[in-house]
């Protein structure tokens, strides 16, 4: 058996048992220094409930068109948008907190926040100009 000698192991919360219990215990039993586990939240799929997965049909393909990606982000349930802000955007925690506060105080409508999130995500994968066009397309088609 070949043992991977990694100092850190990163995985989703769905892999907590495998990473923390199995891997760390196994490494200790084999005489190795146990690695550090970094456990991350799981991104919910477009249904807002179950983890994003191609096989479950609730994913947003990274290679989808800007318009399709923007539309799929807009279809995410309102209560899942915070996870998308925390796990996908380049926004700092303070900015996310400010946006959430603005929505909760009625200073910003949740639809406007979702549009910001959709534009941010599309701009990460396609650049700002295609993200702007995707937003314009969404507005023209759905508003």
C-alpha atoms as a PDB file:
ATOM      1  CA  UNK A   1       0.000   0.000   0.000  1.00  0.00           C
ATOM      2  CA  UNK A   2       1.387   3.373  -1.040  1.00  0.00           C
ATOM      3  CA  UNK A   3       0.594   6.158   1.413  1.00  0.00           C
ATOM      4  CA  UNK A   4       0.140   9.704   0.171  1.00  0.00           C
ATOM      5  CA  UNK A   5       2.109  11.916   2.525  1.00  0.00           C
ATOM      6  CA  UNK A   6       0.034  15.091   2.446  1.00  0.00           C
ATOM      7  CA  UNK A   7       0.079  17.693   5.197  1.00  0.00           C
ATOM      8  CA  UNK A   8      -3.400  18.984   4.397  1.00  0.00           C
ATOM      9  CA  UNK A   9      -6.477  17.295   3.064  1.00  0.00           C
ATOM     10  CA  UNK A  10      -9.318  19.422   1.686  1.00  0.00           C
ATOM     11  CA  UNK A  11     -12.848  18.201   1.106  1.00  0.00           C
ATOM     12  CA  UNK A  12     -16.527  18.913   1.431  1.00  0.00           C
ATOM     13  CA  UNK A  13     -18.569  18.390   4.550  1.00  0.00           C
ATOM     14  CA  UNK A  14     -20.039  15.283   2.911  1.00  0.00           C
ATOM     15  CA  UNK A  15     -16.556  13.726   3.204  1.00  0.00           C
ATOM     16  CA  UNK A  16     -16.031  14.586   6.878  1.00  0.00           C
ATOM     17  CA  UNK A  17     -15.933  10.975   8.063  1.00  0.00           C
ATOM     18  CA  UNK A  18     -13.528   9.870   5.330  1.00  0.00           C
ATOM     19  CA  UNK A  19     -11.158  12.778   5.800  1.00  0.00           C
ATOM     20  CA  UNK A  20     -11.087  13.178   9.555  1.00  0.00           C
ATOM     21  CA  UNK A  21     -11.772   9.749  10.938  1.00  0.00           C
ATOM     22  CA  UNK A  22     -10.600   7.259   8.367  1.00  0.00           C
ATOM     23  CA  UNK A  23      -7.630   9.094   6.870  1.00  0.00           C
ATOM     24  CA  UNK A  24      -6.255  10.589  10.091  1.00  0.00           C
ATOM     25  CA  UNK A  25      -6.668   7.344  12.066  1.00  0.00           C
ATOM     26  CA  UNK A  26      -5.157   5.315   9.248  1.00  0.00           C
ATOM     27  CA  UNK A  27      -2.165   7.643   8.998  1.00  0.00           C
ATOM     28  CA  UNK A  28      -1.586   7.447  12.766  1.00  0.00           C
ATOM     29  CA  UNK A  29      -1.784   3.647  12.682  1.00  0.00           C
ATOM     30  CA  UNK A  30       0.766   3.589   9.865  1.00  0.00           C
ATOM     31  CA  UNK A  31       3.167   5.718  11.893  1.00  0.00           C
ATOM     32  CA  UNK A  32       2.698   8.932   9.933  1.00  0.00           C
ATOM     33  CA  UNK A  33       1.910  12.366  11.230  1.00  0.00           C
ATOM     34  CA  UNK A  34      -1.839  12.867  10.664  1.00  0.00           C
ATOM     35  CA  UNK A  35      -2.763  15.524   8.156  1.00  0.00           C
ATOM     36  CA  UNK A  36      -4.811  18.618   8.813  1.00  0.00           C
ATOM     37  CA  UNK A  37      -8.372  18.482   7.551  1.00  0.00           C
ATOM     38  CA  UNK A  38      -9.973  21.503   5.920  1.00  0.00           C
ATOM     39  CA  UNK A  39     -13.691  20.901   5.589  1.00  0.00           C
ATOM     40  CA  UNK A  40     -15.698  23.174   3.302  1.00  0.00           C
ATOM     41  CA  UNK A  41     -19.426  23.732   2.896  1.00  0.00           C
ATOM     42  CA  UNK A  42     -21.166  22.025   0.020  1.00  0.00           C
ATOM     43  CA  UNK A  43     -22.651  24.223  -2.703  1.00  0.00           C
ATOM     44  CA  UNK A  44     -26.344  23.501  -3.130  1.00  0.00           C
ATOM     45  CA  UNK A  45     -27.547  22.815  -6.641  1.00  0.00           C
ATOM     46  CA  UNK A  46     -30.049  24.864  -8.579  1.00  0.00           C
ATOM     47  CA  UNK A  47     -32.799  23.315  -6.449  1.00  0.00           C
ATOM     48  CA  UNK A  48     -31.270  25.032  -3.408  1.00  0.00           C
ATOM     49  CA  UNK A  49     -31.376  21.855  -1.317  1.00  0.00           C
ATOM     50  CA  UNK A  50     -29.226  18.961  -2.524  1.00  0.00           C
ATOM     51  CA  UNK A  51     -25.519  19.374  -3.318  1.00  0.00           C
ATOM     52  CA  UNK A  52     -24.761  20.513  -6.840  1.00  0.00           C
ATOM     53  CA  UNK A  53     -24.233  17.486  -9.027  1.00  0.00           C
ATOM     54  CA  UNK A  54     -24.310  16.765 -12.736  1.00  0.00           C
ATOM     55  CA  UNK A  55     -25.724  13.306 -12.086  1.00  0.00           C
ATOM     56  CA  UNK A  56     -28.551  14.813  -9.994  1.00  0.00           C
ATOM     57  CA  UNK A  57     -29.328  17.278 -12.775  1.00  0.00           C
ATOM     58  CA  UNK A  58     -29.095  20.351 -10.546  1.00  0.00           C
ATOM     59  CA  UNK A  59     -25.789  21.788 -11.705  1.00  0.00           C
ATOM     60  CA  UNK A  60     -24.623  24.845 -13.608  1.00  0.00           C
ATOM     61  CA  UNK A  61     -22.076  23.679 -16.197  1.00  0.00           C
ATOM     62  CA  UNK A  62     -18.890  25.741 -16.146  1.00  0.00           C
ATOM     63  CA  UNK A  63     -18.806  25.668 -19.951  1.00  0.00           C
ATOM     64  CA  UNK A  64     -22.399  26.817 -20.423  1.00  0.00           C
ATOM     65  CA  UNK A  65     -23.103  30.038 -22.280  1.00  0.00           C
ATOM     66  CA  UNK A  66     -23.142  33.264 -20.281  1.00  0.00           C
ATOM     67  CA  UNK A  67     -26.918  33.572 -20.833  1.00  0.00           C
ATOM     68  CA  UNK A  68     -27.577  30.021 -19.640  1.00  0.00           C
ATOM     69  CA  UNK A  69     -25.302  30.411 -16.620  1.00  0.00           C
ATOM     70  CA  UNK A  70     -26.904  33.734 -15.686  1.00  0.00           C
ATOM     71  CA  UNK A  71     -30.407  32.277 -16.020  1.00  0.00           C
ATOM     72  CA  UNK A  72     -29.561  29.239 -13.914  1.00  0.00           C
ATOM     73  CA  UNK A  73     -28.163  31.399 -11.123  1.00  0.00           C
ATOM     74  CA  UNK A  74     -31.353  33.477 -11.241  1.00  0.00           C
ATOM     75  CA  UNK A  75     -33.425  30.290 -10.881  1.00  0.00           C
ATOM     76  CA  UNK A  76     -31.790  29.412  -7.555  1.00  0.00           C
ATOM     77  CA  UNK A  77     -34.200  29.680  -4.617  1.00  0.00           C
ATOM     78  CA  UNK A  78     -33.825  32.909  -2.645  1.00  0.00           C
ATOM     79  CA  UNK A  79     -32.741  31.149   0.548  1.00  0.00           C
ATOM     80  CA  UNK A  80     -29.755  29.512  -1.205  1.00  0.00           C
ATOM     81  CA  UNK A  81     -28.243  32.711  -2.581  1.00  0.00           C
ATOM     82  CA  UNK A  82     -26.133  33.295   0.545  1.00  0.00           C
ATOM     83  CA  UNK A  83     -24.267  30.031  -0.070  1.00  0.00           C
ATOM     84  CA  UNK A  84     -23.523  31.105  -3.631  1.00  0.00           C
ATOM     85  CA  UNK A  85     -22.200  34.457  -2.414  1.00  0.00           C
ATOM     86  CA  UNK A  86     -19.944  32.772   0.174  1.00  0.00           C
ATOM     87  CA  UNK A  87     -18.728  29.858  -1.950  1.00  0.00           C
ATOM     88  CA  UNK A  88     -18.491  31.180  -5.513  1.00  0.00           C
ATOM     89  CA  UNK A  89     -18.107  34.953  -5.638  1.00  0.00           C
ATOM     90  CA  UNK A  90     -14.921  36.916  -5.105  1.00  0.00           C
ATOM     91  CA  UNK A  91     -16.685  39.090  -2.539  1.00  0.00           C
ATOM     92  CA  UNK A  92     -15.282  39.654   0.922  1.00  0.00           C
ATOM     93  CA  UNK A  93     -17.352  38.608   3.955  1.00  0.00           C
ATOM     94  CA  UNK A  94     -18.059  42.254   4.825  1.00  0.00           C
ATOM     95  CA  UNK A  95     -19.597  42.864   1.403  1.00  0.00           C
ATOM     96  CA  UNK A  96     -21.742  39.730   1.671  1.00  0.00           C
ATOM     97  CA  UNK A  97     -22.916  40.781   5.127  1.00  0.00           C
ATOM     98  CA  UNK A  98     -23.780  44.249   3.806  1.00  0.00           C
ATOM     99  CA  UNK A  99     -25.810  42.799   0.918  1.00  0.00           C
ATOM    100  CA  UNK A 100     -27.674  40.434   3.256  1.00  0.00           C
ATOM    101  CA  UNK A 101     -28.391  43.329   5.636  1.00  0.00           C
ATOM    102  CA  UNK A 102     -29.701  45.482   2.775  1.00  0.00           C
ATOM    103  CA  UNK A 103     -32.091  42.708   1.731  1.00  0.00           C
ATOM    104  CA  UNK A 104     -33.273  41.996   5.280  1.00  0.00           C
ATOM    105  CA  UNK A 105     -33.898  45.723   5.914  1.00  0.00           C
ATOM    106  CA  UNK A 106     -35.802  46.124   2.639  1.00  0.00           C
ATOM    107  CA  UNK A 107     -33.154  48.401   1.112  1.00  0.00           C
ATOM    108  CA  UNK A 108     -32.519  45.950  -1.741  1.00  0.00           C
ATOM    109  CA  UNK A 109     -34.907  43.452  -3.314  1.00  0.00           C
ATOM    110  CA  UNK A 110     -33.694  39.840  -3.343  1.00  0.00           C
ATOM    111  CA  UNK A 111     -34.071  39.784  -7.146  1.00  0.00           C
ATOM    112  CA  UNK A 112     -31.541  42.615  -7.423  1.00  0.00           C
ATOM    113  CA  UNK A 113     -29.128  40.740  -5.166  1.00  0.00           C
ATOM    114  CA  UNK A 114     -29.537  37.600  -7.272  1.00  0.00           C
ATOM    115  CA  UNK A 115     -28.798  39.649 -10.380  1.00  0.00           C
ATOM    116  CA  UNK A 116     -25.574  40.903  -8.776  1.00  0.00           C
ATOM    117  CA  UNK A 117     -24.621  37.348  -7.844  1.00  0.00           C
ATOM    118  CA  UNK A 118     -25.442  36.045 -11.330  1.00  0.00           C
ATOM    119  CA  UNK A 119     -23.409  38.788 -12.972  1.00  0.00           C
ATOM    120  CA  UNK A 120     -20.462  38.171 -10.634  1.00  0.00           C
ATOM    121  CA  UNK A 121     -20.475  34.420 -11.285  1.00  0.00           C
ATOM    122  CA  UNK A 122     -20.774  34.820 -15.058  1.00  0.00           C
ATOM    123  CA  UNK A 123     -17.965  37.400 -15.051  1.00  0.00           C
ATOM    124  CA  UNK A 124     -15.695  34.931 -13.238  1.00  0.00           C
ATOM    125  CA  UNK A 125     -16.140  32.285 -15.933  1.00  0.00           C
ATOM    126  CA  UNK A 126     -16.759  34.452 -19.026  1.00  0.00           C
ATOM    127  CA  UNK A 127     -15.475  37.990 -18.250  1.00  0.00           C
ATOM    128  CA  UNK A 128     -17.379  41.225 -17.573  1.00  0.00           C
ATOM    129  CA  UNK A 129     -18.624  42.032 -21.095  1.00  0.00           C
ATOM    130  CA  UNK A 130     -20.369  38.670 -21.654  1.00  0.00           C
ATOM    131  CA  UNK A 131     -21.785  38.929 -18.119  1.00  0.00           C
ATOM    132  CA  UNK A 132     -23.273  42.319 -18.921  1.00  0.00           C
ATOM    133  CA  UNK A 133     -24.782  40.964 -22.174  1.00  0.00           C
ATOM    134  CA  UNK A 134     -26.209  37.967 -20.295  1.00  0.00           C
ATOM    135  CA  UNK A 135     -27.839  40.308 -17.783  1.00  0.00           C
ATOM    136  CA  UNK A 136     -29.319  42.427 -20.573  1.00  0.00           C
ATOM    137  CA  UNK A 137     -30.615  39.272 -22.257  1.00  0.00           C
ATOM    138  CA  UNK A 138     -32.222  38.109 -19.007  1.00  0.00           C
ATOM    139  CA  UNK A 139     -33.899  41.497 -18.500  1.00  0.00           C
ATOM    140  CA  UNK A 140     -35.216  41.552 -22.084  1.00  0.00           C
ATOM    141  CA  UNK A 141     -36.588  38.019 -21.930  1.00  0.00           C
ATOM    142  CA  UNK A 142     -37.934  37.815 -18.378  1.00  0.00           C
ATOM    143  CA  UNK A 143     -38.927  41.359 -17.414  1.00  0.00           C
END
